[in-house]
C-alpha atoms as a PDB file:
ATOM      1  CA  UNK A   1     -69.942   0.225-151.622  1.00  0.00           C
ATOM      2  CA  UNK A   2     -72.830   1.882-153.320  1.00  0.00           C
ATOM      3  CA  UNK A   3     -75.517  -0.311-155.740  1.00  0.00           C
ATOM      4  CA  UNK A   4     -77.134   1.329-158.206  1.00  0.00           C
ATOM      5  CA  UNK A   5     -80.451   0.884-159.571  1.00  0.00           C
ATOM      6  CA  UNK A   6     -82.871   3.450-161.463  1.00  0.00           C
ATOM      7  CA  UNK A   7     -81.801   6.609-162.631  1.00  0.00           C
ATOM      8  CA  UNK A   8     -78.698   5.965-161.972  1.00  0.00           C
ATOM      9  CA  UNK A   9     -78.540   2.113-163.005  1.00  0.00           C
ATOM     10  CA  UNK A  10     -79.422   3.979-166.712  1.00  0.00           C
ATOM     11  CA  UNK A  11     -77.439   6.714-165.977  1.00  0.00           C
ATOM     12  CA  UNK A  12     -74.187   4.430-165.929  1.00  0.00           C
ATOM     13  CA  UNK A  13     -75.329   1.544-168.503  1.00  0.00           C
ATOM     14  CA  UNK A  14     -75.579   4.518-171.183  1.00  0.00           C
ATOM     15  CA  UNK A  15     -71.742   5.065-171.269  1.00  0.00           C
ATOM     16  CA  UNK A  16     -71.151   1.563-171.829  1.00  0.00           C
ATOM     17  CA  UNK A  17     -73.824   1.232-174.820  1.00  0.00           C
ATOM     18  CA  UNK A  18     -72.664  -2.524-175.442  1.00  0.00           C
ATOM     19  CA  UNK A  19     -73.398  -3.693-172.584  1.00  0.00           C
ATOM     20  CA  UNK A  20     -76.754  -4.646-171.027  1.00  0.00           C
ATOM     21  CA  UNK A  21     -78.144  -5.648-167.838  1.00  0.00           C
ATOM     22  CA  UNK A  22     -79.269  -9.568-167.807  1.00  0.00           C
ATOM     23  CA  UNK A  23     -81.555 -10.699-164.618  1.00  0.00           C
ATOM     24  CA  UNK A  24     -79.065  -8.252-162.636  1.00  0.00           C
ATOM     25  CA  UNK A  25     -75.706  -8.798-164.050  1.00  0.00           C
ATOM     26  CA  UNK A  26     -73.782  -6.269-166.153  1.00  0.00           C
ATOM     27  CA  UNK A  27     -73.435  -8.337-169.475  1.00  0.00           C
ATOM     28  CA  UNK A  28     -72.077  -8.269-172.977  1.00  0.00           C
ATOM     29  CA  UNK A  29     -71.106 -11.113-175.831  1.00  0.00           C
ATOM     30  CA  UNK A  30     -67.586 -10.731-177.723  1.00  0.00           C
ATOM     31  CA  UNK A  31     -66.977 -12.749-180.566  1.00  0.00           C
ATOM     32  CA  UNK A  32     -64.293 -13.173-182.458  1.00  0.00           C
ATOM     33  CA  UNK A  33     -62.790 -14.739-185.579  1.00  0.00           C
ATOM     34  CA  UNK A  34     -61.174 -17.880-183.886  1.00  0.00           C
ATOM     35  CA  UNK A  35     -61.359 -19.647-180.210  1.00  0.00           C
ATOM     36  CA  UNK A  36     -57.454 -18.758-179.789  1.00  0.00           C
ATOM     37  CA  UNK A  37     -58.188 -14.551-180.535  1.00  0.00           C
ATOM     38  CA  UNK A  38     -60.993 -15.279-177.836  1.00  0.00           C
ATOM     39  CA  UNK A  39     -58.363 -17.051-175.169  1.00  0.00           C
ATOM     40  CA  UNK A  40     -56.080 -13.793-176.270  1.00  0.00           C
ATOM     41  CA  UNK A  41     -59.113 -12.100-175.274  1.00  0.00           C
ATOM     42  CA  UNK A  42     -59.722 -14.152-171.964  1.00  0.00           C
ATOM     43  CA  UNK A  43     -56.135 -14.168-171.276  1.00  0.00           C
ATOM     44  CA  UNK A  44     -56.013  -9.934-171.464  1.00  0.00           C
ATOM     45  CA  UNK A  45     -59.325  -9.766-169.407  1.00  0.00           C
ATOM     46  CA  UNK A  46     -57.834 -11.932-166.312  1.00  0.00           C
ATOM     47  CA  UNK A  47     -55.254  -9.308-165.891  1.00  0.00           C
ATOM     48  CA  UNK A  48     -57.962  -6.556-165.803  1.00  0.00           C
ATOM     49  CA  UNK A  49     -59.770  -8.410-163.718  1.00  0.00           C
ATOM     50  CA  UNK A  50     -56.548  -9.397-161.116  1.00  0.00           C
ATOM     51  CA  UNK A  51     -55.315  -5.597-161.164  1.00  0.00           C
ATOM     52  CA  UNK A  52     -59.511  -4.563-160.375  1.00  0.00           C
ATOM     53  CA  UNK A  53     -59.478  -7.255-157.513  1.00  0.00           C
ATOM     54  CA  UNK A  54     -63.018  -8.070-159.109  1.00  0.00           C
ATOM     55  CA  UNK A  55     -63.650 -11.110-161.314  1.00  0.00           C
ATOM     56  CA  UNK A  56     -66.284 -11.729-164.023  1.00  0.00           C
ATOM     57  CA  UNK A  57     -67.948 -14.816-164.676  1.00  0.00           C
ATOM     58  CA  UNK A  58     -66.563 -15.746-167.971  1.00  0.00           C
ATOM     59  CA  UNK A  59     -68.572 -18.102-171.122  1.00  0.00           C
ATOM     60  CA  UNK A  60     -66.328 -19.120-174.496  1.00  0.00           C
ATOM     61  CA  UNK A  61     -67.834 -20.761-176.599  1.00  0.00           C
ATOM     62  CA  UNK A  62     -65.250 -21.009-179.380  1.00  0.00           C
ATOM     63  CA  UNK A  63     -64.933 -17.823-180.816  1.00  0.00           C
ATOM     64  CA  UNK A  64     -67.738 -16.159-179.123  1.00  0.00           C
ATOM     65  CA  UNK A  65     -66.681 -14.697-175.041  1.00  0.00           C
ATOM     66  CA  UNK A  66     -69.700 -13.632-172.305  1.00  0.00           C
ATOM     67  CA  UNK A  67     -68.411 -11.641-169.827  1.00  0.00           C
ATOM     68  CA  UNK A  68     -70.867 -11.500-166.764  1.00  0.00           C
ATOM     69  CA  UNK A  69     -70.363  -8.337-163.996  1.00  0.00           C
ATOM     70  CA  UNK A  70     -72.049  -8.238-160.563  1.00  0.00           C
ATOM     71  CA  UNK A  71     -70.416  -7.337-157.220  1.00  0.00           C
ATOM     72  CA  UNK A  72     -71.614  -9.968-155.037  1.00  0.00           C
ATOM     73  CA  UNK A  73     -71.177  -8.931-151.468  1.00  0.00           C
ATOM     74  CA  UNK A  74     -72.684  -5.763-152.699  1.00  0.00           C
ATOM     75  CA  UNK A  75     -75.805  -7.819-153.687  1.00  0.00           C
ATOM     76  CA  UNK A  76     -76.380  -5.864-157.221  1.00  0.00           C
ATOM     77  CA  UNK A  77     -74.424  -3.550-159.791  1.00  0.00           C
ATOM     78  CA  UNK A  78     -71.636  -1.285-158.120  1.00  0.00           C
ATOM     79  CA  UNK A  79     -68.790   1.080-159.349  1.00  0.00           C
ATOM     80  CA  UNK A  80     -66.748  -1.679-159.554  1.00  0.00           C
ATOM     81  CA  UNK A  81     -68.680  -3.721-162.503  1.00  0.00           C
ATOM     82  CA  UNK A  82     -68.863  -0.408-164.535  1.00  0.00           C
ATOM     83  CA  UNK A  83     -65.112   0.384-163.981  1.00  0.00           C
ATOM     84  CA  UNK A  84     -63.767  -3.077-165.419  1.00  0.00           C
ATOM     85  CA  UNK A  85     -66.598  -3.272-168.041  1.00  0.00           C
ATOM     86  CA  UNK A  86     -65.203   0.471-169.232  1.00  0.00           C
ATOM     87  CA  UNK A  87     -61.569  -1.304-169.049  1.00  0.00           C
ATOM     88  CA  UNK A  88     -62.587  -3.819-170.721  1.00  0.00           C
ATOM     89  CA  UNK A  89     -64.110  -1.773-174.058  1.00  0.00           C
ATOM     90  CA  UNK A  90     -60.577  -0.864-173.872  1.00  0.00           C
ATOM     91  CA  UNK A  91     -59.370  -3.988-175.421  1.00  0.00           C
ATOM     92  CA  UNK A  92     -61.986  -4.135-178.363  1.00  0.00           C
END
């Protein structure tokens, strides 16, 4: 499993402008009209994560959902993280 860093990381990140690297994780916060909408989104993310076999950290705060991705067994960000982030972006 290949871990991204430097220019490669920047290139992958440029394709996902709403995401950012925070403390070594690929992260994004989504805002919804209410808690129910946030939960619906989380369930859809859960389905994508199960299909990919790669699971984000999920934090729900009323109408906001923060997702954070990292490939723990690789010790950093890999294609799995960027692929799942791109798939999540298609949900919104």
